[in-house]
N, C-alpha and C. Protein backbone atom coordinates (compact mmCIF):
# COMPACT_ATOMS: atom_id res chain seq x y z
N MET A 1 -5.41 -18.62 10.06
CA MET A 1 -6.41 -18.65 8.99
C MET A 1 -5.92 -17.89 7.76
N LYS A 2 -6.39 -18.35 6.60
CA LYS A 2 -6.06 -17.69 5.34
C LYS A 2 -7.32 -17.10 4.73
N ALA A 3 -7.16 -15.94 4.08
CA ALA A 3 -8.26 -15.32 3.34
C ALA A 3 -7.99 -15.48 1.86
N LEU A 4 -9.00 -15.89 1.12
CA LEU A 4 -8.90 -16.02 -0.34
C LEU A 4 -9.62 -14.82 -0.96
N LEU A 5 -8.86 -14.02 -1.71
CA LEU A 5 -9.37 -12.75 -2.21
C LEU A 5 -9.18 -12.62 -3.71
N SER A 6 -10.06 -11.88 -4.35
CA SER A 6 -9.81 -11.44 -5.73
C SER A 6 -8.89 -10.24 -5.68
N SER A 7 -8.20 -9.96 -6.77
CA SER A 7 -7.39 -8.75 -6.81
C SER A 7 -8.31 -7.55 -7.00
N THR A 8 -7.86 -6.37 -6.55
CA THR A 8 -8.71 -5.18 -6.63
C THR A 8 -7.93 -3.97 -7.12
N TYR A 9 -8.67 -3.04 -7.67
CA TYR A 9 -8.15 -1.74 -8.10
C TYR A 9 -8.34 -0.75 -6.96
N PHE A 10 -7.26 -0.49 -6.20
CA PHE A 10 -7.36 0.33 -5.00
C PHE A 10 -8.64 -0.04 -4.23
N GLY A 11 -8.66 -1.29 -3.80
CA GLY A 11 -9.87 -1.90 -3.26
C GLY A 11 -10.44 -1.21 -2.03
N PRO A 12 -11.61 -1.67 -1.57
CA PRO A 12 -12.28 -1.04 -0.44
C PRO A 12 -11.58 -1.36 0.88
N ILE A 13 -11.95 -0.62 1.89
CA ILE A 13 -11.35 -0.78 3.21
C ILE A 13 -11.53 -2.21 3.71
N GLN A 14 -12.67 -2.80 3.47
CA GLN A 14 -12.95 -4.17 3.89
C GLN A 14 -11.89 -5.14 3.36
N TRP A 15 -11.49 -4.96 2.12
CA TRP A 15 -10.50 -5.84 1.49
C TRP A 15 -9.15 -5.70 2.17
N TYR A 16 -8.76 -4.45 2.45
CA TYR A 16 -7.47 -4.24 3.09
C TYR A 16 -7.48 -4.68 4.55
N GLN A 17 -8.64 -4.67 5.16
CA GLN A 17 -8.73 -5.19 6.52
C GLN A 17 -8.38 -6.68 6.54
N LYS A 18 -8.78 -7.40 5.51
CA LYS A 18 -8.42 -8.82 5.43
C LYS A 18 -6.90 -8.98 5.33
N LEU A 19 -6.28 -8.14 4.50
CA LEU A 19 -4.82 -8.21 4.39
C LEU A 19 -4.15 -8.01 5.74
N ASN A 20 -4.70 -7.10 6.52
CA ASN A 20 -4.07 -6.74 7.78
C ASN A 20 -4.34 -7.75 8.89
N ARG A 21 -5.45 -8.46 8.83
CA ARG A 21 -5.87 -9.27 9.97
C ARG A 21 -5.67 -10.77 9.82
N TYR A 22 -5.56 -11.25 8.59
CA TYR A 22 -5.41 -12.70 8.40
C TYR A 22 -3.93 -13.09 8.41
N ASP A 23 -3.68 -14.33 8.81
CA ASP A 23 -2.30 -14.82 8.85
C ASP A 23 -1.67 -14.82 7.46
N GLU A 24 -2.48 -15.14 6.47
CA GLU A 24 -2.02 -15.16 5.08
C GLU A 24 -3.20 -14.85 4.17
N CYS A 25 -2.91 -14.16 3.07
CA CYS A 25 -3.95 -13.87 2.08
C CYS A 25 -3.54 -14.44 0.73
N LEU A 26 -4.45 -15.19 0.13
CA LEU A 26 -4.24 -15.77 -1.19
C LEU A 26 -4.98 -14.89 -2.20
N ILE A 27 -4.26 -14.38 -3.19
CA ILE A 27 -4.87 -13.56 -4.22
C ILE A 27 -5.15 -14.44 -5.43
N GLU A 28 -6.42 -14.53 -5.82
CA GLU A 28 -6.85 -15.41 -6.90
C GLU A 28 -6.46 -14.83 -8.26
N ARG A 29 -5.63 -15.58 -8.98
CA ARG A 29 -5.12 -15.13 -10.28
C ARG A 29 -5.80 -15.84 -11.45
N HIS A 30 -6.47 -16.93 -11.17
CA HIS A 30 -6.96 -17.80 -12.24
C HIS A 30 -8.48 -17.82 -12.39
N GLU A 31 -9.18 -17.03 -11.60
CA GLU A 31 -10.64 -16.97 -11.72
C GLU A 31 -11.04 -16.26 -13.00
N SER A 32 -12.25 -16.51 -13.49
CA SER A 32 -12.77 -15.79 -14.65
C SER A 32 -13.04 -14.34 -14.27
N PHE A 33 -12.74 -13.44 -15.17
CA PHE A 33 -12.96 -12.02 -14.93
C PHE A 33 -14.46 -11.74 -14.83
N ILE A 34 -14.84 -10.95 -13.83
CA ILE A 34 -16.24 -10.59 -13.63
C ILE A 34 -16.37 -9.07 -13.70
N LYS A 35 -17.24 -8.59 -14.56
CA LYS A 35 -17.44 -7.15 -14.72
C LYS A 35 -18.16 -6.55 -13.51
N GLN A 36 -18.05 -5.23 -13.39
CA GLN A 36 -18.74 -4.46 -12.37
C GLN A 36 -18.39 -4.93 -10.96
N THR A 37 -17.10 -5.23 -10.76
CA THR A 37 -16.61 -5.61 -9.44
C THR A 37 -15.38 -4.78 -9.12
N TYR A 38 -14.86 -4.97 -7.91
CA TYR A 38 -13.66 -4.24 -7.51
C TYR A 38 -12.42 -4.68 -8.27
N ARG A 39 -12.52 -5.70 -9.08
CA ARG A 39 -11.37 -6.14 -9.85
C ARG A 39 -10.86 -5.03 -10.77
N ASN A 40 -11.77 -4.22 -11.28
CA ASN A 40 -11.34 -3.09 -12.12
C ASN A 40 -12.11 -1.81 -11.79
N ARG A 41 -12.60 -1.73 -10.55
CA ARG A 41 -13.40 -0.57 -10.16
C ARG A 41 -13.08 -0.14 -8.74
N MET A 42 -12.91 1.17 -8.54
CA MET A 42 -12.87 1.71 -7.18
C MET A 42 -13.97 2.75 -7.04
N ILE A 43 -14.39 2.95 -5.81
CA ILE A 43 -15.46 3.90 -5.53
C ILE A 43 -14.96 4.92 -4.52
N ILE A 44 -15.13 6.20 -4.85
CA ILE A 44 -14.69 7.28 -3.97
C ILE A 44 -15.86 8.23 -3.71
N PRO A 45 -15.88 8.88 -2.54
CA PRO A 45 -16.90 9.90 -2.29
C PRO A 45 -16.49 11.20 -3.00
N THR A 46 -17.44 11.89 -3.58
CA THR A 46 -17.17 13.17 -4.23
C THR A 46 -18.24 14.18 -3.81
N THR A 47 -18.10 15.39 -4.28
CA THR A 47 -19.07 16.43 -3.95
C THR A 47 -20.47 16.08 -4.46
N ASN A 48 -20.55 15.20 -5.46
CA ASN A 48 -21.85 14.77 -6.00
C ASN A 48 -22.28 13.40 -5.50
N GLY A 49 -21.56 12.87 -4.52
CA GLY A 49 -21.87 11.54 -4.01
C GLY A 49 -20.85 10.52 -4.47
N PRO A 50 -21.03 9.24 -4.14
CA PRO A 50 -20.07 8.20 -4.53
C PRO A 50 -19.89 8.12 -6.04
N LEU A 51 -18.64 7.98 -6.46
CA LEU A 51 -18.29 7.90 -7.88
C LEU A 51 -17.53 6.61 -8.15
N SER A 52 -17.98 5.85 -9.14
CA SER A 52 -17.27 4.64 -9.56
C SER A 52 -16.28 4.99 -10.66
N LEU A 53 -15.04 4.60 -10.46
CA LEU A 53 -13.99 4.78 -11.47
C LEU A 53 -13.60 3.39 -11.96
N THR A 54 -13.85 3.13 -13.23
CA THR A 54 -13.68 1.79 -13.79
C THR A 54 -12.60 1.77 -14.86
N ILE A 55 -11.68 0.84 -14.74
CA ILE A 55 -10.64 0.64 -15.75
C ILE A 55 -11.25 -0.11 -16.92
N PRO A 56 -11.20 0.45 -18.13
CA PRO A 56 -11.71 -0.30 -19.29
C PRO A 56 -10.78 -1.46 -19.62
N THR A 57 -11.35 -2.55 -20.06
CA THR A 57 -10.54 -3.73 -20.37
C THR A 57 -10.89 -4.27 -21.75
N ASN A 58 -9.91 -4.89 -22.38
CA ASN A 58 -10.16 -5.65 -23.60
C ASN A 58 -10.55 -7.04 -23.15
N HIS A 59 -11.73 -7.16 -22.58
CA HIS A 59 -12.04 -8.37 -21.83
C HIS A 59 -12.89 -9.35 -22.61
N ASN A 60 -12.72 -10.53 -22.19
CA ASN A 60 -13.58 -11.63 -22.59
C ASN A 60 -13.86 -12.37 -21.29
N THR A 61 -15.11 -12.45 -20.89
CA THR A 61 -15.40 -13.00 -19.57
C THR A 61 -15.00 -14.47 -19.43
N SER A 62 -14.62 -15.09 -20.52
CA SER A 62 -14.14 -16.47 -20.42
C SER A 62 -12.65 -16.51 -20.08
N LEU A 63 -12.01 -15.35 -20.12
CA LEU A 63 -10.59 -15.30 -19.81
C LEU A 63 -10.35 -15.29 -18.31
N ALA A 64 -9.22 -15.85 -17.91
CA ALA A 64 -8.82 -15.78 -16.51
C ALA A 64 -8.37 -14.37 -16.19
N MET A 65 -8.49 -14.01 -14.93
CA MET A 65 -8.10 -12.67 -14.49
C MET A 65 -6.68 -12.33 -14.91
N LYS A 66 -5.79 -13.29 -14.86
CA LYS A 66 -4.39 -13.05 -15.20
C LYS A 66 -4.19 -12.65 -16.66
N ASP A 67 -5.17 -12.94 -17.50
CA ASP A 67 -5.04 -12.68 -18.94
C ASP A 67 -5.80 -11.44 -19.40
N ILE A 68 -6.44 -10.74 -18.48
CA ILE A 68 -7.22 -9.55 -18.84
C ILE A 68 -6.28 -8.38 -19.11
N ARG A 69 -6.41 -7.81 -20.30
CA ARG A 69 -5.58 -6.67 -20.68
C ARG A 69 -6.32 -5.35 -20.46
N ILE A 70 -5.57 -4.35 -20.06
CA ILE A 70 -6.12 -3.01 -19.86
C ILE A 70 -6.26 -2.31 -21.20
N SER A 71 -7.39 -1.66 -21.41
CA SER A 71 -7.62 -0.89 -22.63
C SER A 71 -7.23 0.57 -22.41
N ASP A 72 -6.81 1.23 -23.47
CA ASP A 72 -6.51 2.66 -23.39
C ASP A 72 -7.72 3.51 -23.77
N HIS A 73 -8.87 2.89 -23.83
CA HIS A 73 -10.09 3.57 -24.25
C HIS A 73 -10.43 4.75 -23.33
N ALA A 74 -10.83 5.85 -23.95
CA ALA A 74 -11.38 7.02 -23.24
C ALA A 74 -10.39 7.70 -22.30
N ASN A 75 -9.09 7.49 -22.53
CA ASN A 75 -8.07 8.19 -21.74
C ASN A 75 -8.36 8.06 -20.23
N TRP A 76 -8.62 6.84 -19.80
CA TRP A 76 -9.10 6.62 -18.43
C TRP A 76 -8.10 7.06 -17.36
N ARG A 77 -6.81 6.94 -17.63
CA ARG A 77 -5.81 7.33 -16.62
C ARG A 77 -5.96 8.80 -16.28
N HIS A 78 -6.08 9.62 -17.31
CA HIS A 78 -6.25 11.07 -17.12
C HIS A 78 -7.56 11.35 -16.38
N VAL A 79 -8.62 10.68 -16.77
CA VAL A 79 -9.94 10.89 -16.15
C VAL A 79 -9.91 10.49 -14.67
N HIS A 80 -9.31 9.35 -14.37
CA HIS A 80 -9.29 8.88 -12.99
C HIS A 80 -8.43 9.78 -12.11
N TRP A 81 -7.27 10.18 -12.62
CA TRP A 81 -6.40 11.04 -11.81
C TRP A 81 -7.06 12.39 -11.56
N ASN A 82 -7.71 12.95 -12.57
CA ASN A 82 -8.40 14.22 -12.37
C ASN A 82 -9.54 14.08 -11.37
N ALA A 83 -10.20 12.93 -11.37
CA ALA A 83 -11.27 12.69 -10.39
C ALA A 83 -10.70 12.66 -8.97
N LEU A 84 -9.53 12.05 -8.81
CA LEU A 84 -8.88 12.03 -7.50
C LEU A 84 -8.45 13.43 -7.08
N LEU A 85 -7.90 14.20 -8.01
CA LEU A 85 -7.52 15.58 -7.72
C LEU A 85 -8.72 16.38 -7.25
N SER A 86 -9.82 16.23 -7.94
CA SER A 86 -11.03 16.98 -7.61
C SER A 86 -11.60 16.54 -6.26
N ALA A 87 -11.61 15.25 -6.02
CA ALA A 87 -12.22 14.72 -4.79
C ALA A 87 -11.36 14.97 -3.55
N TYR A 88 -10.03 14.94 -3.73
CA TYR A 88 -9.15 14.95 -2.56
C TYR A 88 -8.20 16.13 -2.49
N GLY A 89 -8.33 17.08 -3.40
CA GLY A 89 -7.43 18.23 -3.39
C GLY A 89 -7.40 18.96 -2.06
N GLU A 90 -8.51 18.93 -1.33
CA GLU A 90 -8.59 19.62 -0.04
C GLU A 90 -8.55 18.65 1.14
N SER A 91 -8.29 17.39 0.89
CA SER A 91 -8.20 16.43 2.00
C SER A 91 -6.88 16.62 2.74
N PRO A 92 -6.81 16.20 4.00
CA PRO A 92 -5.63 16.49 4.81
C PRO A 92 -4.30 15.93 4.29
N PHE A 93 -4.33 14.77 3.61
CA PHE A 93 -3.07 14.10 3.29
C PHE A 93 -2.85 13.84 1.81
N PHE A 94 -3.70 14.38 0.95
CA PHE A 94 -3.53 14.14 -0.49
C PHE A 94 -2.18 14.67 -0.98
N GLU A 95 -1.85 15.88 -0.58
CA GLU A 95 -0.59 16.47 -1.04
C GLU A 95 0.61 15.63 -0.61
N TYR A 96 0.52 15.05 0.58
CA TYR A 96 1.62 14.25 1.10
C TYR A 96 1.82 12.97 0.30
N TYR A 97 0.72 12.35 -0.15
CA TYR A 97 0.81 11.05 -0.81
C TYR A 97 0.69 11.09 -2.33
N GLN A 98 0.36 12.22 -2.91
CA GLN A 98 0.04 12.23 -4.33
C GLN A 98 1.20 11.76 -5.21
N ASP A 99 2.43 12.04 -4.81
CA ASP A 99 3.58 11.62 -5.62
C ASP A 99 3.77 10.10 -5.60
N ASP A 100 3.23 9.44 -4.59
CA ASP A 100 3.29 7.98 -4.54
C ASP A 100 2.23 7.35 -5.43
N ILE A 101 1.11 8.04 -5.61
CA ILE A 101 -0.03 7.47 -6.33
C ILE A 101 -0.05 7.87 -7.80
N ARG A 102 0.39 9.08 -8.10
CA ARG A 102 0.30 9.59 -9.47
C ARG A 102 0.94 8.67 -10.51
N PRO A 103 2.10 8.06 -10.25
CA PRO A 103 2.74 7.23 -11.28
C PRO A 103 1.86 6.10 -11.82
N PHE A 104 0.91 5.63 -11.04
CA PHE A 104 0.01 4.57 -11.53
C PHE A 104 -0.93 5.07 -12.62
N PHE A 105 -1.05 6.38 -12.72
CA PHE A 105 -1.91 6.97 -13.74
C PHE A 105 -1.10 7.62 -14.86
N GLU A 106 0.20 7.36 -14.85
CA GLU A 106 1.08 7.85 -15.90
C GLU A 106 1.69 6.69 -16.70
N LYS A 107 1.99 5.61 -16.02
CA LYS A 107 2.59 4.45 -16.68
C LYS A 107 1.51 3.56 -17.29
N LYS A 108 1.79 3.01 -18.45
CA LYS A 108 0.86 2.08 -19.08
C LYS A 108 1.19 0.65 -18.65
N TYR A 109 0.19 -0.05 -18.19
CA TYR A 109 0.32 -1.45 -17.82
C TYR A 109 -0.45 -2.29 -18.84
N GLU A 110 0.06 -3.46 -19.15
CA GLU A 110 -0.63 -4.32 -20.10
C GLU A 110 -1.73 -5.13 -19.44
N PHE A 111 -1.41 -5.73 -18.30
CA PHE A 111 -2.36 -6.66 -17.66
C PHE A 111 -2.95 -6.07 -16.37
N LEU A 112 -4.25 -6.23 -16.23
CA LEU A 112 -4.95 -5.70 -15.06
C LEU A 112 -4.44 -6.31 -13.77
N PHE A 113 -4.21 -7.61 -13.76
CA PHE A 113 -3.76 -8.26 -12.53
C PHE A 113 -2.43 -7.69 -12.06
N ASP A 114 -1.51 -7.49 -12.99
CA ASP A 114 -0.20 -6.93 -12.63
C ASP A 114 -0.34 -5.52 -12.08
N PHE A 115 -1.19 -4.73 -12.72
CA PHE A 115 -1.44 -3.37 -12.24
C PHE A 115 -2.02 -3.40 -10.83
N ASN A 116 -3.01 -4.24 -10.61
CA ASN A 116 -3.63 -4.33 -9.29
C ASN A 116 -2.63 -4.74 -8.22
N MET A 117 -1.76 -5.67 -8.54
CA MET A 117 -0.79 -6.13 -7.54
C MET A 117 0.22 -5.03 -7.21
N GLU A 118 0.61 -4.24 -8.20
CA GLU A 118 1.54 -3.15 -7.92
C GLU A 118 0.88 -2.07 -7.06
N THR A 119 -0.39 -1.77 -7.32
CA THR A 119 -1.07 -0.80 -6.47
C THR A 119 -1.23 -1.35 -5.06
N THR A 120 -1.49 -2.64 -4.94
CA THR A 120 -1.62 -3.26 -3.62
C THR A 120 -0.31 -3.17 -2.85
N GLU A 121 0.79 -3.47 -3.52
CA GLU A 121 2.10 -3.41 -2.86
C GLU A 121 2.42 -1.99 -2.39
N LYS A 122 2.06 -1.00 -3.18
CA LYS A 122 2.29 0.38 -2.79
C LYS A 122 1.43 0.75 -1.58
N MET A 123 0.17 0.33 -1.58
CA MET A 123 -0.71 0.65 -0.46
C MET A 123 -0.23 -0.03 0.82
N ILE A 124 0.25 -1.25 0.71
CA ILE A 124 0.80 -1.95 1.88
C ILE A 124 1.95 -1.14 2.48
N GLU A 125 2.79 -0.61 1.61
CA GLU A 125 3.92 0.21 2.06
C GLU A 125 3.43 1.48 2.75
N LEU A 126 2.48 2.18 2.14
CA LEU A 126 2.01 3.45 2.68
C LEU A 126 1.20 3.28 3.96
N LEU A 127 0.47 2.18 4.05
CA LEU A 127 -0.34 1.91 5.25
C LEU A 127 0.49 1.34 6.39
N ASP A 128 1.69 0.89 6.07
CA ASP A 128 2.59 0.28 7.04
C ASP A 128 1.97 -0.98 7.65
N ILE A 129 1.42 -1.82 6.78
CA ILE A 129 0.95 -3.13 7.21
C ILE A 129 1.86 -4.19 6.59
N ARG A 130 1.88 -5.36 7.18
CA ARG A 130 2.83 -6.39 6.76
C ARG A 130 2.14 -7.74 6.52
N PRO A 131 1.28 -7.79 5.54
CA PRO A 131 0.58 -9.05 5.28
C PRO A 131 1.48 -10.07 4.59
N LYS A 132 1.15 -11.33 4.79
CA LYS A 132 1.77 -12.40 4.01
C LYS A 132 0.85 -12.70 2.84
N ILE A 133 1.33 -12.45 1.62
CA ILE A 133 0.50 -12.60 0.43
C ILE A 133 1.08 -13.68 -0.47
N SER A 134 0.20 -14.55 -0.96
CA SER A 134 0.58 -15.55 -1.96
C SER A 134 -0.37 -15.44 -3.14
N ILE A 135 0.14 -15.76 -4.32
CA ILE A 135 -0.68 -15.76 -5.54
C ILE A 135 -1.06 -17.20 -5.85
N THR A 136 -2.32 -17.45 -6.16
CA THR A 136 -2.75 -18.82 -6.44
C THR A 136 -2.07 -19.36 -7.69
N GLU A 137 -1.73 -20.63 -7.66
CA GLU A 137 -1.09 -21.28 -8.80
C GLU A 137 -2.11 -21.92 -9.73
N ALA A 138 -3.33 -22.08 -9.25
CA ALA A 138 -4.45 -22.62 -10.04
C ALA A 138 -5.73 -22.16 -9.37
N TYR A 139 -6.83 -22.23 -10.10
CA TYR A 139 -8.10 -21.80 -9.52
C TYR A 139 -8.49 -22.71 -8.37
N ILE A 140 -8.85 -22.12 -7.26
CA ILE A 140 -9.25 -22.90 -6.09
C ILE A 140 -10.76 -23.13 -6.13
N GLN A 141 -11.15 -24.38 -6.30
CA GLN A 141 -12.55 -24.75 -6.42
C GLN A 141 -13.24 -24.75 -5.06
N SER A 142 -14.55 -24.54 -5.08
CA SER A 142 -15.32 -24.54 -3.83
C SER A 142 -15.22 -25.88 -3.11
N LYS A 143 -15.09 -26.97 -3.89
CA LYS A 143 -14.95 -28.29 -3.29
C LYS A 143 -13.69 -28.37 -2.43
N GLU A 144 -12.61 -27.77 -2.92
CA GLU A 144 -11.37 -27.76 -2.16
C GLU A 144 -11.54 -27.00 -0.86
N LEU A 145 -12.31 -25.92 -0.90
CA LEU A 145 -12.50 -25.10 0.29
C LEU A 145 -13.31 -25.83 1.35
N LYS A 146 -14.26 -26.64 0.91
CA LYS A 146 -15.06 -27.41 1.86
C LYS A 146 -14.21 -28.42 2.61
N GLU A 147 -13.13 -28.83 1.97
CA GLU A 147 -12.24 -29.81 2.58
C GLU A 147 -11.11 -29.15 3.36
N ASN A 148 -11.08 -27.81 3.34
CA ASN A 148 -10.01 -27.08 4.01
C ASN A 148 -10.60 -25.92 4.79
N ASP A 149 -10.80 -26.11 6.09
CA ASP A 149 -11.43 -25.05 6.88
C ASP A 149 -10.43 -23.99 7.33
N GLU A 150 -9.21 -24.05 6.79
CA GLU A 150 -8.21 -23.03 7.10
C GLU A 150 -8.29 -21.85 6.15
N ILE A 151 -9.15 -21.94 5.11
CA ILE A 151 -9.26 -20.87 4.12
C ILE A 151 -10.69 -20.33 4.11
N LYS A 152 -10.81 -19.00 4.21
CA LYS A 152 -12.12 -18.35 4.09
C LYS A 152 -12.18 -17.65 2.74
N ASP A 153 -13.23 -17.90 2.00
CA ASP A 153 -13.36 -17.42 0.62
C ASP A 153 -14.14 -16.10 0.58
N PHE A 154 -13.43 -15.03 0.20
CA PHE A 154 -14.06 -13.71 0.06
C PHE A 154 -14.10 -13.24 -1.39
N ARG A 155 -13.83 -14.13 -2.33
CA ARG A 155 -13.71 -13.72 -3.73
C ARG A 155 -14.97 -13.04 -4.25
N ASP A 156 -16.12 -13.56 -3.91
CA ASP A 156 -17.37 -12.96 -4.38
C ASP A 156 -18.14 -12.28 -3.27
N ALA A 157 -17.58 -12.28 -2.07
CA ALA A 157 -18.27 -11.66 -0.93
C ALA A 157 -18.04 -10.16 -0.89
N ILE A 158 -16.82 -9.74 -1.25
CA ILE A 158 -16.49 -8.31 -1.22
C ILE A 158 -16.72 -7.76 -2.61
N ARG A 159 -17.84 -7.07 -2.79
CA ARG A 159 -18.22 -6.58 -4.11
C ARG A 159 -19.08 -5.33 -3.96
N PRO A 160 -19.10 -4.48 -5.00
CA PRO A 160 -19.84 -3.21 -4.90
C PRO A 160 -21.34 -3.40 -4.78
N LYS A 161 -21.89 -4.37 -5.53
CA LYS A 161 -23.33 -4.57 -5.55
C LYS A 161 -23.71 -5.84 -4.80
N LYS A 162 -24.64 -5.71 -3.88
CA LYS A 162 -25.15 -6.84 -3.10
C LYS A 162 -24.02 -7.66 -2.45
N PRO A 163 -23.19 -6.99 -1.64
CA PRO A 163 -22.13 -7.74 -0.95
C PRO A 163 -22.72 -8.74 0.03
N LEU A 164 -22.02 -9.84 0.22
CA LEU A 164 -22.48 -10.84 1.18
C LEU A 164 -22.21 -10.37 2.60
N PRO A 165 -22.99 -10.84 3.58
CA PRO A 165 -22.75 -10.44 4.97
C PRO A 165 -21.34 -10.81 5.41
N ASP A 166 -20.73 -9.92 6.18
CA ASP A 166 -19.38 -10.16 6.69
C ASP A 166 -19.35 -9.74 8.15
N ALA A 167 -19.50 -10.71 9.03
CA ALA A 167 -19.57 -10.42 10.47
C ALA A 167 -18.26 -9.85 11.00
N GLU A 168 -17.18 -10.04 10.25
CA GLU A 168 -15.87 -9.57 10.70
C GLU A 168 -15.67 -8.09 10.42
N PHE A 169 -16.48 -7.51 9.54
CA PHE A 169 -16.25 -6.14 9.11
C PHE A 169 -17.36 -5.21 9.57
N ALA A 170 -16.98 -4.22 10.38
CA ALA A 170 -17.90 -3.17 10.81
C ALA A 170 -17.25 -1.83 10.48
N PRO A 171 -17.75 -1.11 9.48
CA PRO A 171 -17.12 0.15 9.07
C PRO A 171 -17.01 1.13 10.23
N GLN A 172 -15.84 1.71 10.39
CA GLN A 172 -15.62 2.72 11.42
C GLN A 172 -15.64 4.10 10.77
N ARG A 173 -16.27 5.03 11.45
CA ARG A 173 -16.36 6.39 10.92
C ARG A 173 -15.00 7.08 11.02
N TYR A 174 -14.61 7.77 9.98
CA TYR A 174 -13.41 8.61 9.97
C TYR A 174 -13.75 9.88 9.21
N TYR A 175 -12.86 10.84 9.23
CA TYR A 175 -13.13 12.10 8.56
C TYR A 175 -13.23 11.90 7.05
N GLN A 176 -14.28 12.46 6.45
CA GLN A 176 -14.42 12.50 4.99
C GLN A 176 -14.75 13.93 4.57
N VAL A 177 -14.17 14.36 3.47
CA VAL A 177 -14.30 15.74 3.02
C VAL A 177 -15.77 16.14 2.83
N TYR A 178 -16.57 15.22 2.29
CA TYR A 178 -17.95 15.57 1.91
C TYR A 178 -18.99 14.99 2.87
N GLU A 179 -18.58 14.65 4.08
CA GLU A 179 -19.51 14.01 5.00
C GLU A 179 -20.68 14.93 5.36
N GLN A 180 -20.42 16.22 5.54
CA GLN A 180 -21.50 17.13 5.91
C GLN A 180 -22.56 17.23 4.81
N LYS A 181 -22.14 17.01 3.58
CA LYS A 181 -23.07 17.12 2.45
C LYS A 181 -23.83 15.82 2.19
N HIS A 182 -23.14 14.70 2.28
CA HIS A 182 -23.75 13.42 1.89
C HIS A 182 -23.81 12.39 3.02
N GLY A 183 -23.30 12.74 4.20
CA GLY A 183 -23.21 11.75 5.26
C GLY A 183 -21.99 10.87 5.07
N PHE A 184 -21.65 10.10 6.08
CA PHE A 184 -20.48 9.23 5.99
C PHE A 184 -20.73 8.11 4.99
N GLN A 185 -19.76 7.89 4.11
CA GLN A 185 -19.86 6.84 3.09
C GLN A 185 -18.92 5.69 3.48
N PRO A 186 -19.45 4.55 3.91
CA PRO A 186 -18.60 3.46 4.40
C PRO A 186 -17.98 2.65 3.27
N ASN A 187 -16.85 2.04 3.61
CA ASN A 187 -16.20 1.05 2.74
C ASN A 187 -15.87 1.59 1.35
N MET A 188 -15.37 2.81 1.33
CA MET A 188 -14.89 3.39 0.08
C MET A 188 -13.51 2.82 -0.26
N SER A 189 -12.95 3.27 -1.37
CA SER A 189 -11.60 2.86 -1.75
C SER A 189 -10.62 3.16 -0.62
N ILE A 190 -9.62 2.33 -0.50
CA ILE A 190 -8.58 2.53 0.51
C ILE A 190 -7.92 3.90 0.37
N LEU A 191 -7.94 4.47 -0.85
CA LEU A 191 -7.37 5.80 -1.04
C LEU A 191 -8.12 6.84 -0.22
N ASP A 192 -9.42 6.67 -0.06
CA ASP A 192 -10.20 7.62 0.73
C ASP A 192 -9.70 7.65 2.17
N LEU A 193 -9.48 6.48 2.73
CA LEU A 193 -8.97 6.40 4.10
C LEU A 193 -7.57 6.98 4.19
N LEU A 194 -6.71 6.67 3.25
CA LEU A 194 -5.33 7.16 3.28
C LEU A 194 -5.27 8.67 3.16
N PHE A 195 -5.99 9.24 2.19
CA PHE A 195 -5.92 10.68 1.96
C PHE A 195 -6.56 11.48 3.10
N ASN A 196 -7.46 10.86 3.85
CA ASN A 196 -8.12 11.58 4.94
C ASN A 196 -7.51 11.34 6.31
N GLU A 197 -6.87 10.18 6.50
CA GLU A 197 -6.33 9.85 7.82
C GLU A 197 -4.81 9.69 7.86
N GLY A 198 -4.18 9.61 6.70
CA GLY A 198 -2.72 9.54 6.68
C GLY A 198 -2.19 8.32 7.41
N ASN A 199 -1.14 8.53 8.22
CA ASN A 199 -0.52 7.39 8.89
C ASN A 199 -1.38 6.79 10.00
N GLU A 200 -2.52 7.39 10.28
CA GLU A 200 -3.44 6.80 11.26
C GLU A 200 -4.45 5.87 10.59
N ALA A 201 -4.36 5.73 9.27
CA ALA A 201 -5.29 4.85 8.55
C ALA A 201 -5.23 3.42 9.07
N ILE A 202 -4.06 3.00 9.50
CA ILE A 202 -3.88 1.62 9.97
C ILE A 202 -4.81 1.29 11.14
N PHE A 203 -5.18 2.30 11.92
CA PHE A 203 -6.03 2.04 13.09
C PHE A 203 -7.47 1.71 12.70
N TYR A 204 -7.81 1.90 11.43
CA TYR A 204 -9.15 1.58 10.94
C TYR A 204 -9.17 0.23 10.23
N LEU A 205 -8.04 -0.45 10.24
CA LEU A 205 -7.92 -1.75 9.59
C LEU A 205 -7.78 -2.87 10.62
């Protein structure tokens, strides 16, 4: 089976579970950009509760995802990295992995899709998973999917607000720095799992 996915900014655990469990994953490059989704947003637990970190874009919602440019507005790289430092400075594995992650907040990328794919490739390496990934050559229409039962479409199912039911995904509890204060927060950014579980993160995927 193949999973059809949107690209994500250090996406949630559910998204990476698809990478790990499906025979092949197709990353949609030609869909229209949708705001307030994991395409340019990650969510992490903090001392004040879940925090959304959003990459600003010079976007036009009529543009394809592949054409969305990253904006330098509000010094977001500095803001996001400082948020990670604050949230994970005391986590078990942040110090071990920070040199792998920091460069993404130092280098300027022009296109969001390219940035997302590079972060995905790095996470695949750090998680020690070996997915088969292909990039779509054209937008895959719902009609095509109805005629092909070998592809499951998760493009709009995995999202921060009102996610669609996913019988394949059941969040597993793992150590979180702020669990005693706010309770366990499921399906956070993959960085949360990595910084808290290290090389055992793969067992939650």
